[in-house]
PDB file of N, CA and C in Angstrom:
ATOM      1  N   UNK A   1     -34.910 -10.016  -5.439  1.00  0.00           N
ATOM      2  CA  UNK A   1     -34.717 -11.091  -6.384  1.00  0.00           C
ATOM      3  C   UNK A   1     -33.408 -10.885  -7.136  1.00  0.00           C
ATOM      4  N   UNK A   2     -32.736 -11.981  -7.403  1.00  0.00           N
ATOM      5  CA  UNK A   2     -31.504 -11.950  -8.183  1.00  0.00           C
ATOM      6  C   UNK A   2     -31.671 -12.945  -9.321  1.00  0.00           C
ATOM      7  N   UNK A   3     -31.690 -12.406 -10.540  1.00  0.00           N
ATOM      8  CA  UNK A   3     -31.969 -13.256 -11.692  1.00  0.00           C
ATOM      9  C   UNK A   3     -31.211 -12.767 -12.911  1.00  0.00           C
ATOM     10  N   UNK A   4     -30.831 -13.715 -13.759  1.00  0.00           N
ATOM     11  CA  UNK A   4     -30.176 -13.382 -15.017  1.00  0.00           C
ATOM     12  C   UNK A   4     -30.883 -14.121 -16.149  1.00  0.00           C
ATOM     13  N   UNK A   5     -31.335 -13.350 -17.128  1.00  0.00           N
ATOM     14  CA  UNK A   5     -31.898 -13.904 -18.357  1.00  0.00           C
ATOM     15  C   UNK A   5     -30.761 -13.907 -19.376  1.00  0.00           C
ATOM     16  N   UNK A   6     -30.468 -15.067 -19.935  1.00  0.00           N
ATOM     17  CA  UNK A   6     -29.343 -15.181 -20.860  1.00  0.00           C
ATOM     18  C   UNK A   6     -29.650 -16.231 -21.919  1.00  0.00           C
ATOM     19  N   UNK A   7     -28.746 -16.355 -22.856  1.00  0.00           N
ATOM     20  CA  UNK A   7     -28.876 -17.357 -23.912  1.00  0.00           C
ATOM     21  C   UNK A   7     -27.655 -18.271 -23.833  1.00  0.00           C
ATOM     22  N   UNK A   8     -27.882 -19.550 -23.577  1.00  0.00           N
ATOM     23  CA  UNK A   8     -26.776 -20.489 -23.358  1.00  0.00           C
ATOM     24  C   UNK A   8     -25.925 -20.706 -24.609  1.00  0.00           C
ATOM     25  N   UNK A   9     -26.465 -20.413 -25.781  1.00  0.00           N
ATOM     26  CA  UNK A   9     -25.713 -20.600 -27.023  1.00  0.00           C
ATOM     27  C   UNK A   9     -24.936 -19.344 -27.421  1.00  0.00           C
ATOM     28  N   UNK A  10     -25.023 -18.300 -26.602  1.00  0.00           N
ATOM     29  CA  UNK A  10     -24.362 -17.024 -26.899  1.00  0.00           C
ATOM     30  C   UNK A  10     -23.019 -16.961 -26.185  1.00  0.00           C
ATOM     31  N   UNK A  11     -21.937 -16.851 -26.954  1.00  0.00           N
ATOM     32  CA  UNK A  11     -20.599 -16.793 -26.365  1.00  0.00           C
ATOM     33  C   UNK A  11     -20.420 -15.572 -25.479  1.00  0.00           C
ATOM     34  N   UNK A  12     -21.017 -14.452 -25.859  1.00  0.00           N
ATOM     35  CA  UNK A  12     -20.909 -13.239 -25.052  1.00  0.00           C
ATOM     36  C   UNK A  12     -21.581 -13.441 -23.694  1.00  0.00           C
ATOM     37  N   UNK A  13     -22.762 -14.056 -23.686  1.00  0.00           N
ATOM     38  CA  UNK A  13     -23.446 -14.336 -22.418  1.00  0.00           C
ATOM     39  C   UNK A  13     -22.605 -15.267 -21.543  1.00  0.00           C
ATOM     40  N   UNK A  14     -22.024 -16.298 -22.142  1.00  0.00           N
ATOM     41  CA  UNK A  14     -21.177 -17.240 -21.386  1.00  0.00           C
ATOM     42  C   UNK A  14     -19.997 -16.513 -20.760  1.00  0.00           C
ATOM     43  N   UNK A  15     -19.352 -15.642 -21.537  1.00  0.00           N
ATOM     44  CA  UNK A  15     -18.201 -14.895 -21.043  1.00  0.00           C
ATOM     45  C   UNK A  15     -18.603 -13.996 -19.874  1.00  0.00           C
ATOM     46  N   UNK A  16     -19.736 -13.328 -20.005  1.00  0.00           N
ATOM     47  CA  UNK A  16     -20.200 -12.413 -18.963  1.00  0.00           C
ATOM     48  C   UNK A  16     -20.554 -13.182 -17.691  1.00  0.00           C
ATOM     49  N   UNK A  17     -21.205 -14.330 -17.823  1.00  0.00           N
ATOM     50  CA  UNK A  17     -21.536 -15.136 -16.638  1.00  0.00           C
ATOM     51  C   UNK A  17     -20.265 -15.553 -15.900  1.00  0.00           C
ATOM     52  N   UNK A  18     -19.214 -15.933 -16.647  1.00  0.00           N
ATOM     53  CA  UNK A  18     -17.934 -16.280 -16.015  1.00  0.00           C
ATOM     54  C   UNK A  18     -17.335 -15.077 -15.311  1.00  0.00           C
ATOM     55  N   UNK A  19     -17.428 -13.925 -15.961  1.00  0.00           N
ATOM     56  CA  UNK A  19     -16.876 -12.686 -15.411  1.00  0.00           C
ATOM     57  C   UNK A  19     -17.601 -12.275 -14.127  1.00  0.00           C
ATOM     58  N   UNK A  20     -18.889 -12.533 -14.041  1.00  0.00           N
ATOM     59  CA  UNK A  20     -19.689 -12.141 -12.877  1.00  0.00           C
ATOM     60  C   UNK A  20     -19.634 -13.166 -11.743  1.00  0.00           C
ATOM     61  N   UNK A  21     -19.139 -14.370 -12.018  1.00  0.00           N
ATOM     62  CA  UNK A  21     -19.118 -15.455 -11.026  1.00  0.00           C
ATOM     63  C   UNK A  21     -18.377 -15.029  -9.759  1.00  0.00           C
ATOM     64  N   UNK A  22     -18.757 -15.581  -8.615  1.00  0.00           N
ATOM     65  CA  UNK A  22     -19.762 -16.620  -8.405  1.00  0.00           C
ATOM     66  C   UNK A  22     -21.173 -16.036  -8.369  1.00  0.00           C
ATOM     67  N   UNK A  23     -22.119 -16.815  -8.856  1.00  0.00           N
ATOM     68  CA  UNK A  23     -23.521 -16.390  -8.927  1.00  0.00           C
ATOM     69  C   UNK A  23     -24.420 -17.377  -8.179  1.00  0.00           C
ATOM     70  N   UNK A  24     -23.943 -17.852  -7.044  1.00  0.00           N
ATOM     71  CA  UNK A  24     -24.637 -18.897  -6.288  1.00  0.00           C
ATOM     72  C   UNK A  24     -26.075 -18.530  -5.913  1.00  0.00           C
ATOM     73  N   UNK A  25     -26.320 -17.275  -5.580  1.00  0.00           N
ATOM     74  CA  UNK A  25     -27.661 -16.897  -5.138  1.00  0.00           C
ATOM     75  C   UNK A  25     -28.528 -16.330  -6.269  1.00  0.00           C
ATOM     76  N   UNK A  26     -28.101 -16.523  -7.513  1.00  0.00           N
ATOM     77  CA  UNK A  26     -28.861 -16.043  -8.678  1.00  0.00           C
ATOM     78  C   UNK A  26     -29.644 -17.174  -9.320  1.00  0.00           C
ATOM     79  N   UNK A  27     -30.809 -16.829  -9.803  1.00  0.00           N
ATOM     80  CA  UNK A  27     -31.604 -17.738 -10.618  1.00  0.00           C
ATOM     81  C   UNK A  27     -31.238 -17.430 -12.067  1.00  0.00           C
ATOM     82  N   UNK A  28     -30.760 -18.434 -12.799  1.00  0.00           N
ATOM     83  CA  UNK A  28     -30.377 -18.248 -14.193  1.00  0.00           C
ATOM     84  C   UNK A  28     -31.459 -18.843 -15.086  1.00  0.00           C
ATOM     85  N   UNK A  29     -31.887 -18.077 -16.076  1.00  0.00           N
ATOM     86  CA  UNK A  29     -32.909 -18.555 -17.001  1.00  0.00           C
ATOM     87  C   UNK A  29     -32.397 -18.463 -18.424  1.00  0.00           C
ATOM     88  N   UNK A  30     -32.207 -19.629 -19.032  1.00  0.00           N
ATOM     89  CA  UNK A  30     -31.827 -19.695 -20.443  1.00  0.00           C
ATOM     90  C   UNK A  30     -33.109 -19.450 -21.246  1.00  0.00           C
ATOM     91  N   UNK A  31     -33.174 -18.303 -21.900  1.00  0.00           N
ATOM     92  CA  UNK A  31     -34.419 -17.884 -22.551  1.00  0.00           C
ATOM     93  C   UNK A  31     -34.761 -18.706 -23.799  1.00  0.00           C
ATOM     94  N   UNK A  32     -33.838 -19.537 -24.244  1.00  0.00           N
ATOM     95  CA  UNK A  32     -34.134 -20.402 -25.391  1.00  0.00           C
ATOM     96  C   UNK A  32     -34.857 -21.665 -24.937  1.00  0.00           C
ATOM     97  N   UNK A  33     -34.450 -22.219 -23.810  1.00  0.00           N
ATOM     98  CA  UNK A  33     -35.053 -23.458 -23.325  1.00  0.00           C
ATOM     99  C   UNK A  33     -36.206 -23.206 -22.356  1.00  0.00           C
ATOM    100  N   UNK A  34     -36.202 -22.053 -21.689  1.00  0.00           N
ATOM    101  CA  UNK A  34     -37.290 -21.685 -20.769  1.00  0.00           C
ATOM    102  C   UNK A  34     -37.792 -20.303 -21.191  1.00  0.00           C
ATOM    103  N   UNK A  35     -38.783 -20.289 -22.058  1.00  0.00           N
ATOM    104  CA  UNK A  35     -39.273 -19.042 -22.634  1.00  0.00           C
ATOM    105  C   UNK A  35     -39.757 -18.077 -21.554  1.00  0.00           C
ATOM    106  N   UNK A  36     -39.575 -16.781 -21.832  1.00  0.00           N
ATOM    107  CA  UNK A  36     -40.018 -15.754 -20.900  1.00  0.00           C
ATOM    108  C   UNK A  36     -41.535 -15.661 -20.923  1.00  0.00           C
ATOM    109  N   UNK A  37     -42.092 -15.418 -19.755  1.00  0.00           N
ATOM    110  CA  UNK A  37     -43.537 -15.264 -19.648  1.00  0.00           C
ATOM    111  C   UNK A  37     -43.906 -13.790 -19.772  1.00  0.00           C
ATOM    112  N   UNK A  38     -45.180 -13.548 -19.981  1.00  0.00           N
ATOM    113  CA  UNK A  38     -45.674 -12.176 -20.057  1.00  0.00           C
ATOM    114  C   UNK A  38     -45.372 -11.435 -18.758  1.00  0.00           C
ATOM    115  N   UNK A  39     -45.577 -12.089 -17.618  1.00  0.00           N
ATOM    116  CA  UNK A  39     -45.322 -11.422 -16.337  1.00  0.00           C
ATOM    117  C   UNK A  39     -43.832 -11.135 -16.131  1.00  0.00           C
ATOM    118  N   UNK A  40     -42.949 -12.003 -16.625  1.00  0.00           N
ATOM    119  CA  UNK A  40     -41.512 -11.742 -16.516  1.00  0.00           C
ATOM    120  C   UNK A  40     -41.121 -10.524 -17.360  1.00  0.00           C
ATOM    121  N   UNK A  41     -41.669 -10.444 -18.564  1.00  0.00           N
ATOM    122  CA  UNK A  41     -41.363  -9.307 -19.436  1.00  0.00           C
ATOM    123  C   UNK A  41     -41.930  -8.015 -18.830  1.00  0.00           C
ATOM    124  N   UNK A  42     -43.105  -8.104 -18.245  1.00  0.00           N
ATOM    125  CA  UNK A  42     -43.694  -6.930 -17.594  1.00  0.00           C
ATOM    126  C   UNK A  42     -42.879  -6.504 -16.374  1.00  0.00           C
ATOM    127  N   UNK A  43     -42.352  -7.481 -15.648  1.00  0.00           N
ATOM    128  CA  UNK A  43     -41.495  -7.168 -14.493  1.00  0.00           C
ATOM    129  C   UNK A  43     -40.225  -6.431 -14.960  1.00  0.00           C
ATOM    130  N   UNK A  44     -39.619  -6.919 -16.042  1.00  0.00           N
ATOM    131  CA  UNK A  44     -38.434  -6.248 -16.591  1.00  0.00           C
ATOM    132  C   UNK A  44     -38.794  -4.835 -17.045  1.00  0.00           C
ATOM    133  N   UNK A  45     -39.961  -4.694 -17.678  1.00  0.00           N
ATOM    134  CA  UNK A  45     -40.437  -3.386 -18.126  1.00  0.00           C
ATOM    135  C   UNK A  45     -40.563  -2.424 -16.944  1.00  0.00           C
ATOM    136  N   UNK A  46     -41.140  -2.896 -15.846  1.00  0.00           N
ATOM    137  CA  UNK A  46     -41.313  -2.046 -14.666  1.00  0.00           C
ATOM    138  C   UNK A  46     -39.978  -1.545 -14.122  1.00  0.00           C
ATOM    139  N   UNK A  47     -38.942  -2.349 -14.225  1.00  0.00           N
ATOM    140  CA  UNK A  47     -37.610  -1.939 -13.761  1.00  0.00           C
ATOM    141  C   UNK A  47     -36.889  -1.063 -14.787  1.00  0.00           C
ATOM    142  N   UNK A  48     -37.097  -1.370 -16.069  1.00  0.00           N
ATOM    143  CA  UNK A  48     -36.375  -0.662 -17.142  1.00  0.00           C
ATOM    144  C   UNK A  48     -37.056   0.634 -17.566  1.00  0.00           C
ATOM    145  N   UNK A  49     -38.391   0.686 -17.446  1.00  0.00           N
ATOM    146  CA  UNK A  49     -39.122   1.885 -17.834  1.00  0.00           C
ATOM    147  C   UNK A  49     -39.646   1.885 -19.255  1.00  0.00           C
ATOM    148  N   UNK A  50     -39.184   0.936 -20.083  1.00  0.00           N
ATOM    149  CA  UNK A  50     -39.715   0.832 -21.443  1.00  0.00           C
ATOM    150  C   UNK A  50     -39.403  -0.548 -22.014  1.00  0.00           C
ATOM    151  N   UNK A  51     -40.227  -0.960 -22.967  1.00  0.00           N
ATOM    152  CA  UNK A  51     -39.972  -2.225 -23.659  1.00  0.00           C
ATOM    153  C   UNK A  51     -38.840  -2.043 -24.661  1.00  0.00           C
ATOM    154  N   UNK A  52     -38.732  -0.846 -25.201  1.00  0.00           N
ATOM    155  CA  UNK A  52     -37.665  -0.589 -26.179  1.00  0.00           C
ATOM    156  C   UNK A  52     -36.287  -0.775 -25.553  1.00  0.00           C
ATOM    157  N   UNK A  53     -36.132  -0.414 -24.272  1.00  0.00           N
ATOM    158  CA  UNK A  53     -34.849  -0.583 -23.584  1.00  0.00           C
ATOM    159  C   UNK A  53     -34.448  -2.058 -23.501  1.00  0.00           C
ATOM    160  N   UNK A  54     -35.425  -2.945 -23.497  1.00  0.00           N
ATOM    161  CA  UNK A  54     -35.181  -4.382 -23.416  1.00  0.00           C
ATOM    162  C   UNK A  54     -34.958  -5.019 -24.786  1.00  0.00           C
ATOM    163  N   UNK A  55     -35.208  -4.269 -25.824  1.00  0.00           N
ATOM    164  CA  UNK A  55     -35.278  -4.799 -27.185  1.00  0.00           C
ATOM    165  C   UNK A  55     -33.938  -4.709 -27.901  1.00  0.00           C
ATOM    166  N   UNK A  56     -33.546  -5.803 -28.531  1.00  0.00           N
ATOM    167  CA  UNK A  56     -32.304  -5.840 -29.301  1.00  0.00           C
ATOM    168  C   UNK A  56     -32.571  -5.521 -30.768  1.00  0.00           C
ATOM    169  N   UNK A  57     -32.055  -4.395 -31.191  1.00  0.00           N
ATOM    170  CA  UNK A  57     -32.187  -4.025 -32.604  1.00  0.00           C
ATOM    171  C   UNK A  57     -31.107  -4.690 -33.449  1.00  0.00           C
ATOM    172  N   UNK A  58     -30.285  -5.513 -32.806  1.00  0.00           N
ATOM    173  CA  UNK A  58     -29.258  -6.266 -33.522  1.00  0.00           C
ATOM    174  C   UNK A  58     -29.728  -7.683 -33.852  1.00  0.00           C
ATOM    175  N   UNK A  59     -30.929  -8.024 -33.425  1.00  0.00           N
ATOM    176  CA  UNK A  59     -31.464  -9.363 -33.679  1.00  0.00           C
ATOM    177  C   UNK A  59     -31.639  -9.593 -35.182  1.00  0.00           C
ATOM    178  N   UNK A  60     -31.359 -10.803 -35.606  1.00  0.00           N
ATOM    179  CA  UNK A  60     -31.476 -11.170 -37.016  1.00  0.00           C
ATOM    180  C   UNK A  60     -32.904 -10.932 -37.518  1.00  0.00           C
ATOM    181  N   UNK A  61     -33.896 -11.281 -36.705  1.00  0.00           N
ATOM    182  CA  UNK A  61     -35.293 -11.093 -37.112  1.00  0.00           C
ATOM    183  C   UNK A  61     -35.657  -9.616 -37.267  1.00  0.00           C
ATOM    184  N   UNK A  62     -35.008  -8.759 -36.501  1.00  0.00           N
ATOM    185  CA  UNK A  62     -35.247  -7.314 -36.619  1.00  0.00           C
ATOM    186  C   UNK A  62     -34.878  -6.852 -38.026  1.00  0.00           C
ATOM    187  N   UNK A  63     -33.742  -7.327 -38.503  1.00  0.00           N
ATOM    188  CA  UNK A  63     -33.279  -6.959 -39.851  1.00  0.00           C
ATOM    189  C   UNK A  63     -34.124  -7.639 -40.924  1.00  0.00           C
ATOM    190  N   UNK A  64     -34.414  -8.928 -40.721  1.00  0.00           N
ATOM    191  CA  UNK A  64     -35.199  -9.688 -41.708  1.00  0.00           C
ATOM    192  C   UNK A  64     -36.581  -9.080 -41.927  1.00  0.00           C
ATOM    193  N   UNK A  65     -37.188  -8.581 -40.870  1.00  0.00           N
ATOM    194  CA  UNK A  65     -38.525  -7.996 -40.971  1.00  0.00           C
ATOM    195  C   UNK A  65     -38.500  -6.507 -41.299  1.00  0.00           C
ATOM    196  N   UNK A  66     -37.278  -5.979 -41.468  1.00  0.00           N
ATOM    197  CA  UNK A  66     -37.092  -4.572 -41.808  1.00  0.00           C
ATOM    198  C   UNK A  66     -37.802  -3.646 -40.806  1.00  0.00           C
ATOM    199  N   UNK A  67     -37.700  -3.993 -39.525  1.00  0.00           N
ATOM    200  CA  UNK A  67     -38.377  -3.220 -38.484  1.00  0.00           C
ATOM    201  C   UNK A  67     -37.769  -1.829 -38.307  1.00  0.00           C
ATOM    202  N   UNK A  68     -36.518  -1.666 -38.719  1.00  0.00           N
ATOM    203  CA  UNK A  68     -35.872  -0.357 -38.622  1.00  0.00           C
ATOM    204  C   UNK A  68     -36.542   0.693 -39.490  1.00  0.00           C
ATOM    205  N   UNK A  69     -37.213   0.258 -40.535  1.00  0.00           N
ATOM    206  CA  UNK A  69     -37.874   1.183 -41.454  1.00  0.00           C
ATOM    207  C   UNK A  69     -39.316   1.473 -41.031  1.00  0.00           C
ATOM    208  N   UNK A  70     -39.768   0.800 -39.979  1.00  0.00           N
ATOM    209  CA  UNK A  70     -41.147   0.972 -39.526  1.00  0.00           C
ATOM    210  C   UNK A  70     -41.170   1.722 -38.205  1.00  0.00           C
ATOM    211  N   UNK A  71     -42.320   2.326 -37.920  1.00  0.00           N
ATOM    212  CA  UNK A  71     -42.495   2.969 -36.614  1.00  0.00           C
ATOM    213  C   UNK A  71     -42.983   1.899 -35.640  1.00  0.00           C
ATOM    214  N   UNK A  72     -42.138   1.573 -34.672  1.00  0.00           N
ATOM    215  CA  UNK A  72     -42.452   0.510 -33.718  1.00  0.00           C
ATOM    216  C   UNK A  72     -42.839   1.141 -32.385  1.00  0.00           C
ATOM    217  N   UNK A  73     -44.020   0.807 -31.896  1.00  0.00           N
ATOM    218  CA  UNK A  73     -44.517   1.371 -30.641  1.00  0.00           C
ATOM    219  C   UNK A  73     -44.096   0.501 -29.458  1.00  0.00           C
ATOM    220  N   UNK A  74     -44.324   1.000 -28.256  1.00  0.00           N
ATOM    221  CA  UNK A  74     -44.043   0.221 -27.046  1.00  0.00           C
ATOM    222  C   UNK A  74     -44.844  -1.087 -27.071  1.00  0.00           C
ATOM    223  N   UNK A  75     -46.095  -1.022 -27.512  1.00  0.00           N
ATOM    224  CA  UNK A  75     -46.927  -2.232 -27.600  1.00  0.00           C
ATOM    225  C   UNK A  75     -46.323  -3.231 -28.588  1.00  0.00           C
ATOM    226  N   UNK A  76     -45.773  -2.717 -29.688  1.00  0.00           N
ATOM    227  CA  UNK A  76     -45.117  -3.580 -30.675  1.00  0.00           C
ATOM    228  C   UNK A  76     -43.882  -4.242 -30.073  1.00  0.00           C
ATOM    229  N   UNK A  77     -43.074  -3.448 -29.353  1.00  0.00           N
ATOM    230  CA  UNK A  77     -41.866  -3.999 -28.718  1.00  0.00           C
ATOM    231  C   UNK A  77     -42.245  -5.124 -27.761  1.00  0.00           C
ATOM    232  N   UNK A  78     -43.296  -4.903 -26.960  1.00  0.00           N
ATOM    233  CA  UNK A  78     -43.742  -5.922 -26.009  1.00  0.00           C
ATOM    234  C   UNK A  78     -44.172  -7.189 -26.743  1.00  0.00           C
ATOM    235  N   UNK A  79     -44.974  -7.035 -27.780  1.00  0.00           N
ATOM    236  CA  UNK A  79     -45.452  -8.187 -28.552  1.00  0.00           C
ATOM    237  C   UNK A  79     -44.292  -8.956 -29.176  1.00  0.00           C
ATOM    238  N   UNK A  80     -43.314  -8.234 -29.703  1.00  0.00           N
ATOM    239  CA  UNK A  80     -42.155  -8.881 -30.324  1.00  0.00           C
ATOM    240  C   UNK A  80     -41.317  -9.624 -29.281  1.00  0.00           C
ATOM    241  N   UNK A  81     -41.146  -9.026 -28.096  1.00  0.00           N
ATOM    242  CA  UNK A  81     -40.405  -9.691 -27.022  1.00  0.00           C
ATOM    243  C   UNK A  81     -41.102 -10.990 -26.612  1.00  0.00           C
ATOM    244  N   UNK A  82     -42.422 -10.965 -26.575  1.00  0.00           N
ATOM    245  CA  UNK A  82     -43.185 -12.167 -26.228  1.00  0.00           C
ATOM    246  C   UNK A  82     -43.156 -13.208 -27.349  1.00  0.00           C
ATOM    247  N   UNK A  83     -43.036 -12.719 -28.579  1.00  0.00           N
ATOM    248  CA  UNK A  83     -43.069 -13.610 -29.739  1.00  0.00           C
ATOM    249  C   UNK A  83     -41.806 -14.451 -29.871  1.00  0.00           C
ATOM    250  N   UNK A  84     -40.632 -13.824 -29.677  1.00  0.00           N
ATOM    251  CA  UNK A  84     -39.388 -14.558 -29.926  1.00  0.00           C
ATOM    252  C   UNK A  84     -38.277 -14.085 -28.997  1.00  0.00           C
ATOM    253  N   UNK A  85     -37.596 -15.044 -28.380  1.00  0.00           N
ATOM    254  CA  UNK A  85     -36.566 -14.748 -27.387  1.00  0.00           C
ATOM    255  C   UNK A  85     -35.392 -13.935 -27.934  1.00  0.00           C
ATOM    256  N   UNK A  86     -35.116 -14.026 -29.224  1.00  0.00           N
ATOM    257  CA  UNK A  86     -33.945 -13.316 -29.763  1.00  0.00           C
ATOM    258  C   UNK A  86     -34.113 -11.801 -29.748  1.00  0.00           C
ATOM    259  N   UNK A  87     -35.332 -11.323 -29.541  1.00  0.00           N
ATOM    260  CA  UNK A  87     -35.544  -9.876 -29.484  1.00  0.00           C
ATOM    261  C   UNK A  87     -35.099  -9.266 -28.152  1.00  0.00           C
ATOM    262  N   UNK A  88     -34.816 -10.096 -27.147  1.00  0.00           N
ATOM    263  CA  UNK A  88     -34.366  -9.561 -25.854  1.00  0.00           C
ATOM    264  C   UNK A  88     -32.890  -9.198 -25.930  1.00  0.00           C
ATOM    265  N   UNK A  89     -32.578  -7.988 -25.521  1.00  0.00           N
ATOM    266  CA  UNK A  89     -31.181  -7.548 -25.427  1.00  0.00           C
ATOM    267  C   UNK A  89     -30.582  -8.299 -24.239  1.00  0.00           C
ATOM    268  N   UNK A  90     -29.504  -9.031 -24.474  1.00  0.00           N
ATOM    269  CA  UNK A  90     -28.984  -9.921 -23.446  1.00  0.00           C
ATOM    270  C   UNK A  90     -27.557  -9.587 -23.046  1.00  0.00           C
ATOM    271  N   UNK A  91     -27.217 -10.023 -21.830  1.00  0.00           N
ATOM    272  CA  UNK A  91     -28.087 -10.592 -20.810  1.00  0.00           C
ATOM    273  C   UNK A  91     -28.869  -9.501 -20.083  1.00  0.00           C
ATOM    274  N   UNK A  92     -29.912  -9.917 -19.384  1.00  0.00           N
ATOM    275  CA  UNK A  92     -30.645  -9.020 -18.496  1.00  0.00           C
ATOM    276  C   UNK A  92     -30.355  -9.510 -17.088  1.00  0.00           C
ATOM    277  N   UNK A  93     -29.772  -8.625 -16.293  1.00  0.00           N
ATOM    278  CA  UNK A  93     -29.370  -8.974 -14.935  1.00  0.00           C
ATOM    279  C   UNK A  93     -30.207  -8.140 -13.968  1.00  0.00           C
ATOM    280  N   UNK A  94     -30.908  -8.828 -13.079  1.00  0.00           N
ATOM    281  CA  UNK A  94     -31.726  -8.140 -12.083  1.00  0.00           C
ATOM    282  C   UNK A  94     -31.143  -8.417 -10.704  1.00  0.00           C
ATOM    283  N   UNK A  95     -30.817  -7.330 -10.001  1.00  0.00           N
ATOM    284  CA  UNK A  95     -30.321  -7.434  -8.632  1.00  0.00           C
ATOM    285  C   UNK A  95     -31.257  -6.589  -7.774  1.00  0.00           C
ATOM    286  N   UNK A  96     -32.136  -7.278  -7.056  1.00  0.00           N
ATOM    287  CA  UNK A  96     -33.162  -6.622  -6.236  1.00  0.00           C
ATOM    288  C   UNK A  96     -34.040  -5.725  -7.121  1.00  0.00           C
ATOM    289  N   UNK A  97     -33.900  -4.396  -7.025  1.00  0.00           N
ATOM    290  CA  UNK A  97     -34.740  -3.498  -7.840  1.00  0.00           C
ATOM    291  C   UNK A  97     -33.939  -2.790  -8.934  1.00  0.00           C
ATOM    292  N   UNK A  98     -32.735  -3.280  -9.188  1.00  0.00           N
ATOM    293  CA  UNK A  98     -31.883  -2.682 -10.221  1.00  0.00           C
ATOM    294  C   UNK A  98     -31.776  -3.644 -11.400  1.00  0.00           C
ATOM    295  N   UNK A  99     -31.894  -3.089 -12.608  1.00  0.00           N
ATOM    296  CA  UNK A  99     -31.808  -3.915 -13.806  1.00  0.00           C
ATOM    297  C   UNK A  99     -30.637  -3.443 -14.669  1.00  0.00           C
ATOM    298  N   UNK A 100     -29.912  -4.409 -15.215  1.00  0.00           N
ATOM    299  CA  UNK A 100     -28.803  -4.140 -16.127  1.00  0.00           C
ATOM    300  C   UNK A 100     -29.134  -4.870 -17.424  1.00  0.00           C
ATOM    301  N   UNK A 101     -29.151  -4.127 -18.528  1.00  0.00           N
ATOM    302  CA  UNK A 101     -29.591  -4.682 -19.808  1.00  0.00           C
ATOM    303  C   UNK A 101     -28.469  -4.581 -20.833  1.00  0.00           C
ATOM    304  N   UNK A 102     -28.123  -5.713 -21.422  1.00  0.00           N
ATOM    305  CA  UNK A 102     -27.150  -5.715 -22.507  1.00  0.00           C
ATOM    306  C   UNK A 102     -25.760  -6.088 -22.066  1.00  0.00           C
ATOM    307  N   UNK A 103     -24.833  -5.991 -23.009  1.00  0.00           N
ATOM    308  CA  UNK A 103     -23.490  -6.496 -22.764  1.00  0.00           C
ATOM    309  C   UNK A 103     -22.389  -5.445 -22.910  1.00  0.00           C
ATOM    310  N   UNK A 104     -22.755  -4.170 -22.844  1.00  0.00           N
ATOM    311  CA  UNK A 104     -21.706  -3.148 -22.943  1.00  0.00           C
ATOM    312  C   UNK A 104     -20.810  -3.214 -21.711  1.00  0.00           C
ATOM    313  N   UNK A 105     -19.571  -2.798 -21.873  1.00  0.00           N
ATOM    314  CA  UNK A 105     -18.612  -2.838 -20.765  1.00  0.00           C
ATOM    315  C   UNK A 105     -19.126  -2.054 -19.559  1.00  0.00           C
ATOM    316  N   UNK A 106     -19.760  -0.907 -19.810  1.00  0.00           N
ATOM    317  CA  UNK A 106     -20.266  -0.059 -18.736  1.00  0.00           C
ATOM    318  C   UNK A 106     -21.386  -0.773 -17.962  1.00  0.00           C
ATOM    319  N   UNK A 107     -22.293  -1.413 -18.673  1.00  0.00           N
ATOM    320  CA  UNK A 107     -23.410  -2.131 -18.045  1.00  0.00           C
ATOM    321  C   UNK A 107     -22.884  -3.294 -17.202  1.00  0.00           C
ATOM    322  N   UNK A 108     -21.967  -4.060 -17.761  1.00  0.00           N
ATOM    323  CA  UNK A 108     -21.436  -5.228 -17.053  1.00  0.00           C
ATOM    324  C   UNK A 108     -20.607  -4.795 -15.844  1.00  0.00           C
ATOM    325  N   UNK A 109     -19.851  -3.713 -15.972  1.00  0.00           N
ATOM    326  CA  UNK A 109     -19.083  -3.195 -14.830  1.00  0.00           C
ATOM    327  C   UNK A 109     -20.027  -2.777 -13.706  1.00  0.00           C
ATOM    328  N   UNK A 110     -21.130  -2.122 -14.053  1.00  0.00           N
ATOM    329  CA  UNK A 110     -22.118  -1.723 -13.056  1.00  0.00           C
ATOM    330  C   UNK A 110     -22.757  -2.922 -12.370  1.00  0.00           C
ATOM    331  N   UNK A 111     -23.072  -3.944 -13.152  1.00  0.00           N
ATOM    332  CA  UNK A 111     -23.670  -5.161 -12.601  1.00  0.00           C
ATOM    333  C   UNK A 111     -22.684  -5.857 -11.667  1.00  0.00           C
ATOM    334  N   UNK A 112     -21.446  -5.937 -12.095  1.00  0.00           N
ATOM    335  CA  UNK A 112     -20.410  -6.585 -11.285  1.00  0.00           C
ATOM    336  C   UNK A 112     -20.234  -5.871  -9.952  1.00  0.00           C
ATOM    337  N   UNK A 113     -20.237  -4.547  -9.997  1.00  0.00           N
ATOM    338  CA  UNK A 113     -20.090  -3.757  -8.793  1.00  0.00           C
ATOM    339  C   UNK A 113     -21.271  -3.990  -7.846  1.00  0.00           C
ATOM    340  N   UNK A 114     -22.479  -4.034  -8.383  1.00  0.00           N
ATOM    341  CA  UNK A 114     -23.691  -4.247  -7.569  1.00  0.00           C
ATOM    342  C   UNK A 114     -23.714  -5.654  -6.981  1.00  0.00           C
ATOM    343  N   UNK A 115     -23.330  -6.644  -7.782  1.00  0.00           N
ATOM    344  CA  UNK A 115     -23.364  -8.050  -7.344  1.00  0.00           C
ATOM    345  C   UNK A 115     -22.360  -8.306  -6.237  1.00  0.00           C
ATOM    346  N   UNK A 116     -21.176  -7.744  -6.376  1.00  0.00           N
ATOM    347  CA  UNK A 116     -20.089  -8.052  -5.443  1.00  0.00           C
ATOM    348  C   UNK A 116     -19.871  -6.943  -4.416  1.00  0.00           C
ATOM    349  N   UNK A 117     -20.879  -6.100  -4.202  1.00  0.00           N
ATOM    350  CA  UNK A 117     -20.754  -5.002  -3.228  1.00  0.00           C
ATOM    351  C   UNK A 117     -20.783  -5.531  -1.813  1.00  0.00           C
TER     352      UNK A 117
END
């Protein structure tokens, strides 16, 4: 499977999608207009190894709820990811059985190399 979870209103996601193009054989899912399902989040978890790896601690709601001061478990991370799309660290790029999470230069370079290999 080749899929990218992204946010269409995010300039960083837009830039990365352009950088990775062409993406003709990828399924693109705008997580704001097409919410992630429990099975999709579980699939990402199986590839990533933890819900925390998928979780964005830079999300506005993370700060608003003062989650940094609380002990957050894997179950909590999963529930939060299901609750609101902004908690997903974006973009999430899946190429077969490899997952790339986030927008760091190293992650995007790895994804680009895998996509265009």
